[in-house]
Amino acid sequence: MLGGSVALAPTASAVGPSACQFNSPDVNFKVSTSGARFRTGPGKRHRAIGTLYRGDSFRYFCRTRGFEKSWSYGKILRRTTTGIRPGTRGWVYSKYLD
């Protein structure tokens, strides 16, 4: 294409806080189970960034709806058991947070 530009829409696998319905002051949680998937968006259709295990630290910013059956958006506070770096942002199913 000559003299033009192409704008690409973000992929469904790159969902940030725009999917949030409930915001919260930053709250720190520990993961309460082993094997929780940390994802690029709220829901199983989104790519897994890695796996969280009991005791991994997560700072919660917001969630998709009421706490039951919701997804929480936030960031990793310390390197996780599986090596996800601090500051990595993503989604985890809310029932796995304590």
C-alpha atoms as a PDB file:
ATOM      1  CA  MET A   1       0.000   0.000   0.000  1.00  0.00           C
ATOM      2  CA  LEU A   2       1.509   3.322  -1.020  1.00  0.00           C
ATOM      3  CA  GLY A   3       1.189   6.442   1.089  1.00  0.00           C
ATOM      4  CA  GLY A   4      -1.217   4.934   3.597  1.00  0.00           C
ATOM      5  CA  SER A   5      -1.181   3.353   6.961  1.00  0.00           C
ATOM      6  CA  VAL A   6      -2.974   0.432   8.473  1.00  0.00           C
ATOM      7  CA  ALA A   7      -4.401   0.551  11.982  1.00  0.00           C
ATOM      8  CA  LEU A   8      -4.710  -2.785  13.690  1.00  0.00           C
ATOM      9  CA  ALA A   9      -7.224  -3.442  16.426  1.00  0.00           C
ATOM     10  CA  PRO A  10      -5.886  -5.014  19.612  1.00  0.00           C
ATOM     11  CA  THR A  11      -6.324  -8.759  19.766  1.00  0.00           C
ATOM     12  CA  ALA A  12      -8.714 -10.421  22.187  1.00  0.00           C
ATOM     13  CA  SER A  13      -5.687 -11.860  23.938  1.00  0.00           C
ATOM     14  CA  ALA A  14      -4.526  -8.402  25.068  1.00  0.00           C
ATOM     15  CA  VAL A  15      -7.303  -7.228  27.380  1.00  0.00           C
ATOM     16  CA  GLY A  16      -6.337  -4.800  30.132  1.00  0.00           C
ATOM     17  CA  PRO A  17      -8.516  -3.108  32.734  1.00  0.00           C
ATOM     18  CA  SER A  18     -11.076  -2.083  30.090  1.00  0.00           C
ATOM     19  CA  ALA A  19     -13.030  -5.271  30.909  1.00  0.00           C
ATOM     20  CA  CYS A  20     -13.395  -4.243  34.563  1.00  0.00           C
ATOM     21  CA  GLN A  21     -16.801  -3.448  36.024  1.00  0.00           C
ATOM     22  CA  PHE A  22     -15.733  -2.917  39.655  1.00  0.00           C
ATOM     23  CA  ASN A  23     -12.648  -0.903  40.575  1.00  0.00           C
ATOM     24  CA  SER A  24     -11.020  -1.078  43.966  1.00  0.00           C
ATOM     25  CA  PRO A  25      -8.221   0.573  45.867  1.00  0.00           C
ATOM     26  CA  ASP A  26      -5.129  -1.557  45.348  1.00  0.00           C
ATOM     27  CA  VAL A  27      -5.405  -4.633  47.570  1.00  0.00           C
ATOM     28  CA  ASN A  28      -2.786  -7.357  47.934  1.00  0.00           C
ATOM     29  CA  PHE A  29      -3.895 -10.985  47.823  1.00  0.00           C
ATOM     30  CA  LYS A  30      -2.182 -14.345  48.053  1.00  0.00           C
ATOM     31  CA  VAL A  31      -3.123 -17.086  45.642  1.00  0.00           C
ATOM     32  CA  SER A  32      -5.092 -19.698  47.601  1.00  0.00           C
ATOM     33  CA  THR A  33      -4.727 -22.701  45.298  1.00  0.00           C
ATOM     34  CA  SER A  34      -2.122 -24.387  43.163  1.00  0.00           C
ATOM     35  CA  GLY A  35      -2.426 -24.358  39.399  1.00  0.00           C
ATOM     36  CA  ALA A  36      -4.388 -21.107  38.823  1.00  0.00           C
ATOM     37  CA  ARG A  37      -3.838 -19.814  35.296  1.00  0.00           C
ATOM     38  CA  PHE A  38      -2.685 -16.191  34.988  1.00  0.00           C
ATOM     39  CA  ARG A  39      -4.170 -14.906  31.714  1.00  0.00           C
ATOM     40  CA  THR A  40      -4.044 -12.014  29.249  1.00  0.00           C
ATOM     41  CA  GLY A  41      -7.805 -11.460  29.617  1.00  0.00           C
ATOM     42  CA  PRO A  42     -10.787 -12.468  31.735  1.00  0.00           C
ATOM     43  CA  GLY A  43     -11.830 -15.963  30.718  1.00  0.00           C
ATOM     44  CA  LYS A  44     -10.469 -19.280  29.550  1.00  0.00           C
ATOM     45  CA  ARG A  45     -10.417 -18.174  25.913  1.00  0.00           C
ATOM     46  CA  HIS A  46      -7.518 -15.830  26.690  1.00  0.00           C
ATOM     47  CA  ARG A  47      -3.915 -16.983  26.499  1.00  0.00           C
ATOM     48  CA  ALA A  48      -2.278 -18.144  29.736  1.00  0.00           C
ATOM     49  CA  ILE A  49       0.788 -16.118  30.714  1.00  0.00           C
ATOM     50  CA  GLY A  50       1.732 -18.685  33.314  1.00  0.00           C
ATOM     51  CA  THR A  51       0.532 -20.573  36.354  1.00  0.00           C
ATOM     52  CA  LEU A  52       0.135 -19.255  39.897  1.00  0.00           C
ATOM     53  CA  TYR A  53       0.582 -21.363  43.012  1.00  0.00           C
ATOM     54  CA  ARG A  54      -0.504 -21.117  46.625  1.00  0.00           C
ATOM     55  CA  GLY A  55       1.262 -18.175  48.284  1.00  0.00           C
ATOM     56  CA  ASP A  56       2.142 -16.220  45.113  1.00  0.00           C
ATOM     57  CA  SER A  57       1.455 -12.485  45.628  1.00  0.00           C
ATOM     58  CA  PHE A  58      -1.043 -10.581  43.484  1.00  0.00           C
ATOM     59  CA  ARG A  59      -2.089  -6.898  43.679  1.00  0.00           C
ATOM     60  CA  TYR A  60      -5.745  -6.586  42.730  1.00  0.00           C
ATOM     61  CA  PHE A  61      -6.973  -3.486  40.858  1.00  0.00           C
ATOM     62  CA  CYS A  62     -10.449  -4.434  39.622  1.00  0.00           C
ATOM     63  CA  ARG A  63     -12.727  -7.302  38.575  1.00  0.00           C
ATOM     64  CA  THR A  64     -15.307  -8.162  35.956  1.00  0.00           C
ATOM     65  CA  ARG A  65     -18.377  -8.341  38.257  1.00  0.00           C
ATOM     66  CA  GLY A  66     -19.288  -9.474  41.797  1.00  0.00           C
ATOM     67  CA  PHE A  67     -16.549 -11.516  43.462  1.00  0.00           C
ATOM     68  CA  GLU A  68     -18.238 -14.881  42.887  1.00  0.00           C
ATOM     69  CA  LYS A  69     -17.595 -16.147  39.337  1.00  0.00           C
ATOM     70  CA  SER A  70     -15.563 -13.059  38.401  1.00  0.00           C
ATOM     71  CA  TRP A  71     -12.078 -12.450  37.052  1.00  0.00           C
ATOM     72  CA  SER A  72      -9.645 -10.122  38.822  1.00  0.00           C
ATOM     73  CA  TYR A  73      -7.142  -7.875  37.061  1.00  0.00           C
ATOM     74  CA  GLY A  74      -3.877  -6.941  38.721  1.00  0.00           C
ATOM     75  CA  LYS A  75      -0.145  -7.447  38.776  1.00  0.00           C
ATOM     76  CA  ILE A  76       2.378  -9.847  40.221  1.00  0.00           C
ATOM     77  CA  LEU A  77       4.225  -8.426  43.253  1.00  0.00           C
ATOM     78  CA  ARG A  78       7.159 -10.853  43.561  1.00  0.00           C
ATOM     79  CA  ARG A  79       8.581 -13.419  41.156  1.00  0.00           C
ATOM     80  CA  THR A  80       6.144 -16.319  41.229  1.00  0.00           C
ATOM     81  CA  THR A  81       6.909 -19.962  41.868  1.00  0.00           C
ATOM     82  CA  THR A  82       6.878 -20.505  38.087  1.00  0.00           C
ATOM     83  CA  GLY A  83       9.006 -17.422  37.319  1.00  0.00           C
ATOM     84  CA  ILE A  84       6.467 -14.779  36.280  1.00  0.00           C
ATOM     85  CA  ARG A  85       8.239 -11.458  36.831  1.00  0.00           C
ATOM     86  CA  PRO A  86       7.111  -8.767  39.283  1.00  0.00           C
ATOM     87  CA  GLY A  87       4.993  -6.100  37.622  1.00  0.00           C
ATOM     88  CA  THR A  88       3.486  -8.487  35.050  1.00  0.00           C
ATOM     89  CA  ARG A  89      -0.195  -7.601  34.648  1.00  0.00           C
ATOM     90  CA  GLY A  90      -2.960 -10.042  33.917  1.00  0.00           C
ATOM     91  CA  TRP A  91      -6.119 -11.803  35.034  1.00  0.00           C
ATOM     92  CA  VAL A  92      -6.866 -14.610  37.492  1.00  0.00           C
ATOM     93  CA  TYR A  93     -10.177 -16.224  38.446  1.00  0.00           C
ATOM     94  CA  SER A  94     -11.239 -14.397  41.641  1.00  0.00           C
ATOM     95  CA  LYS A  95     -12.087 -17.486  43.698  1.00  0.00           C
ATOM     96  CA  TYR A  96      -8.373 -18.391  43.664  1.00  0.00           C
ATOM     97  CA  LEU A  97      -7.430 -15.264  45.652  1.00  0.00           C
ATOM     98  CA  ASP A  98      -7.330 -15.135  49.423  1.00  0.00           C
END
